[in-house]
Amino acid sequence: MTADRRRAMIVQTALPLLTRRGTTLTTAEVARAAGIGEATVFRAFADKQALLDACVAEVLRPDPLLDRLTRIDRCQPLADRLTEAATAVHTHLARLGAVLGALHATGRARSDPPPADATTAVRSAVAALFTPDADRLRLPPDQLADLFLGLLSPPGPLATTAPSTTALVDLFLHGALTRVR
């Protein structure tokens, strides 16, 4: 196994442990879960903090989200495309929140925002989902992508429950009014 693949495997093993145990997880636990010796963890990472930093870098990477968004079939109805997109974004945000939340709870949170190019790439991928229906849209796809992504932010303290993905997409596409006067 190459050094890069070994590092990636260790990070993928550490992520669920980190979300469950926070920074109290040990490199020995990570090694045991990965089926490797603890010395292998330290050959891949200088120390535990380097491993934690690699975990944060992994959850901040937009590549898995972008891959899911670009694989959405553009021939589906718009509501189905947006439901898939919302599910992908929610999954990404939940994973990100779990890792950063675990680090924050122990005082080791990083506050680095995602890179601007990552945000732009996600926005563009979502805008592309609107493009097949551009002739039926009230706003340009890039503006709709911004609005749609804004709706997908995690609920704040004022929301009692998070709406379902289907309800969000329906509200986004059809509005709050039952009929237009």
Protein backbone atom coordinates (compact mmCIF):
# COMPACT_ATOMS: atom_id res chain seq x y z
CA MET A 1 0.00 0.00 0.00
CA THR A 2 1.36 3.42 -0.90
CA ALA A 3 1.96 5.99 1.83
CA ASP A 4 -0.91 8.17 0.50
CA ARG A 5 -3.34 5.24 0.46
CA ARG A 6 -2.26 4.23 3.97
CA ARG A 7 -2.84 7.79 5.22
CA ALA A 8 -6.27 7.88 3.55
CA MET A 9 -7.21 4.50 5.06
CA ILE A 10 -6.16 5.65 8.53
CA VAL A 11 -8.17 8.87 8.19
CA GLN A 12 -11.26 6.98 6.99
CA THR A 13 -10.93 4.67 9.99
CA ALA A 14 -10.39 7.57 12.41
CA LEU A 15 -13.36 9.68 11.25
CA PRO A 16 -16.19 7.62 12.84
CA LEU A 17 -14.10 7.17 15.99
CA LEU A 18 -13.51 10.89 16.15
CA THR A 19 -17.23 11.66 15.85
CA ARG A 20 -18.03 9.18 18.63
CA ARG A 21 -15.16 9.82 21.02
CA GLY A 22 -13.92 13.28 20.15
CA THR A 23 -10.28 13.93 20.75
CA THR A 24 -10.21 11.40 23.59
CA LEU A 25 -9.69 8.76 20.93
CA THR A 26 -6.21 7.32 20.98
CA THR A 27 -3.90 6.43 18.15
CA ALA A 28 -3.94 2.88 19.56
CA GLU A 29 -7.74 2.76 19.03
CA VAL A 30 -7.35 4.03 15.48
CA ALA A 31 -4.65 1.46 14.77
CA ARG A 32 -6.72 -1.38 16.25
CA ALA A 33 -9.79 -0.36 14.20
CA ALA A 34 -7.66 -0.15 11.03
CA GLY A 35 -6.04 -3.53 11.71
CA ILE A 36 -2.54 -2.06 11.80
CA GLY A 37 0.11 -1.42 14.40
CA GLU A 38 0.20 1.89 16.23
CA ALA A 39 3.68 2.53 14.83
CA THR A 40 2.13 2.54 11.34
CA VAL A 41 -0.10 5.44 12.40
CA PHE A 42 2.99 7.36 13.48
CA ARG A 43 4.81 6.55 10.23
CA ALA A 44 1.85 8.12 8.40
CA PHE A 45 1.30 11.07 10.78
CA ALA A 46 3.81 12.98 12.90
CA ASP A 47 1.46 12.95 15.89
CA LYS A 48 -2.18 12.72 16.91
CA GLN A 49 -2.79 16.39 16.06
CA ALA A 50 -1.57 15.77 12.50
CA LEU A 51 -4.07 12.92 12.26
CA LEU A 52 -6.87 15.16 13.56
CA ASP A 53 -5.88 17.87 11.08
CA ALA A 54 -6.01 15.30 8.27
CA CYS A 55 -9.50 14.27 9.41
CA VAL A 56 -10.67 17.89 9.27
CA ALA A 57 -9.09 18.34 5.84
CA GLU A 58 -10.90 15.21 4.65
CA VAL A 59 -14.36 16.36 5.73
CA LEU A 60 -13.76 19.81 4.25
CA ARG A 61 -12.91 18.29 0.86
CA PRO A 62 -15.83 18.87 -1.53
CA ASP A 63 -14.86 16.04 -3.91
CA PRO A 64 -17.29 13.38 -2.61
CA LEU A 65 -20.15 15.90 -2.65
CA LEU A 66 -19.23 17.14 -6.12
CA ASP A 67 -19.06 13.55 -7.37
CA ARG A 68 -22.57 12.83 -6.06
CA LEU A 69 -23.95 16.06 -7.53
CA THR A 70 -22.45 15.48 -10.97
CA ARG A 71 -23.79 11.91 -11.08
CA ILE A 72 -27.41 13.06 -10.69
CA ASP A 73 -29.31 12.18 -13.86
CA ARG A 74 -30.26 15.42 -15.63
CA CYS A 75 -33.12 13.61 -17.40
CA GLN A 76 -35.06 13.21 -14.15
CA PRO A 77 -37.75 15.73 -13.24
CA LEU A 78 -36.34 18.84 -11.55
CA ALA A 79 -37.90 17.94 -8.18
CA ASP A 80 -36.16 14.56 -8.20
CA ARG A 81 -32.81 16.12 -9.17
CA LEU A 82 -33.11 18.65 -6.36
CA THR A 83 -34.16 16.01 -3.83
CA GLU A 84 -31.03 13.99 -4.66
CA ALA A 85 -28.92 17.13 -4.42
CA ALA A 86 -30.43 18.09 -1.08
CA THR A 87 -29.79 14.61 0.29
CA ALA A 88 -26.16 14.78 -0.87
CA VAL A 89 -25.65 18.23 0.66
CA HIS A 90 -27.31 17.22 3.94
CA THR A 91 -25.13 14.10 4.16
CA HIS A 92 -22.01 16.17 3.53
CA LEU A 93 -23.00 18.80 6.10
CA ALA A 94 -23.90 16.16 8.71
CA ARG A 95 -20.49 14.50 8.35
CA LEU A 96 -18.75 17.86 8.51
CA GLY A 97 -20.80 18.93 11.53
CA ALA A 98 -20.15 15.68 13.39
CA VAL A 99 -16.38 15.93 13.04
CA LEU A 100 -16.11 19.66 13.69
CA GLY A 101 -18.59 19.37 16.56
CA ALA A 102 -16.52 16.65 18.20
CA LEU A 103 -13.42 18.80 17.91
CA HIS A 104 -15.24 21.91 19.12
CA ALA A 105 -16.52 20.10 22.20
CA THR A 106 -12.93 19.46 23.23
CA GLY A 107 -11.70 22.95 22.40
CA ARG A 108 -9.81 21.90 19.29
CA ALA A 109 -12.17 23.23 16.67
CA ARG A 110 -10.75 24.80 13.54
CA SER A 111 -12.59 27.76 12.14
CA ASP A 112 -11.12 27.70 8.63
CA PRO A 113 -13.91 28.26 6.11
CA PRO A 114 -14.05 25.93 3.12
CA PRO A 115 -11.85 27.14 0.27
CA ALA A 116 -13.64 29.59 -2.03
CA ASP A 117 -13.02 27.39 -5.06
CA ALA A 118 -14.77 24.48 -3.29
CA THR A 119 -17.80 26.64 -2.57
CA THR A 120 -17.86 27.86 -6.17
CA ALA A 121 -17.61 24.30 -7.47
CA VAL A 122 -20.55 23.11 -5.35
CA ARG A 123 -22.61 26.13 -6.39
CA SER A 124 -21.82 25.44 -10.07
CA ALA A 125 -22.72 21.76 -9.72
CA VAL A 126 -26.09 22.67 -8.20
CA ALA A 127 -26.69 25.36 -10.86
CA ALA A 128 -26.11 22.69 -13.51
CA LEU A 129 -29.06 20.75 -12.09
CA PHE A 130 -31.34 23.67 -12.97
CA THR A 131 -29.97 24.15 -16.49
CA PRO A 132 -32.12 21.53 -18.29
CA ASP A 133 -35.18 23.54 -17.19
CA ALA A 134 -33.71 27.01 -17.80
CA ASP A 135 -36.57 28.00 -20.11
CA ARG A 136 -39.11 27.42 -17.29
CA LEU A 137 -37.21 29.18 -14.49
CA ARG A 138 -38.00 32.61 -13.07
CA LEU A 139 -34.35 33.24 -12.17
CA PRO A 140 -31.01 32.20 -13.68
CA PRO A 141 -29.67 28.79 -12.54
CA ASP A 142 -26.77 30.32 -10.58
CA GLN A 143 -29.13 32.51 -8.52
CA LEU A 144 -31.43 29.56 -7.89
CA ALA A 145 -28.43 27.49 -6.79
CA ASP A 146 -27.55 30.15 -4.20
CA LEU A 147 -31.12 30.26 -2.89
CA PHE A 148 -31.45 26.47 -2.85
CA LEU A 149 -28.17 25.97 -1.01
CA GLY A 150 -29.25 28.64 1.49
CA LEU A 151 -32.37 26.61 2.28
CA LEU A 152 -30.26 23.52 2.97
CA SER A 153 -28.31 25.02 5.85
CA PRO A 154 -28.78 23.12 9.09
CA PRO A 155 -31.71 24.34 11.20
CA GLY A 156 -30.83 26.89 13.83
CA PRO A 157 -32.09 27.21 17.39
CA LEU A 158 -35.41 28.71 16.27
CA ALA A 159 -36.50 25.65 14.25
CA THR A 160 -38.19 22.95 16.31
CA THR A 161 -37.66 20.21 13.72
CA ALA A 162 -35.78 19.98 10.47
CA PRO A 163 -38.10 19.76 7.45
CA SER A 164 -37.86 16.72 5.23
CA THR A 165 -35.84 17.00 2.04
CA THR A 166 -39.00 16.48 0.00
CA ALA A 167 -40.79 19.29 1.87
CA LEU A 168 -37.86 21.66 1.30
CA VAL A 169 -37.76 20.91 -2.43
CA ASP A 170 -41.54 21.29 -2.72
CA LEU A 171 -41.47 24.63 -0.93
CA PHE A 172 -38.56 25.79 -3.05
CA LEU A 173 -40.25 24.85 -6.33
CA HIS A 174 -43.86 25.77 -5.49
CA GLY A 175 -43.67 28.40 -2.75
CA ALA A 176 -45.74 28.82 0.36
CA LEU A 177 -48.97 30.00 -1.22
CA THR A 178 -51.66 27.56 -2.32
CA ARG A 179 -52.62 29.74 -5.28
CA VAL A 180 -51.56 33.00 -6.85
CA ARG A 181 -54.18 35.79 -6.94
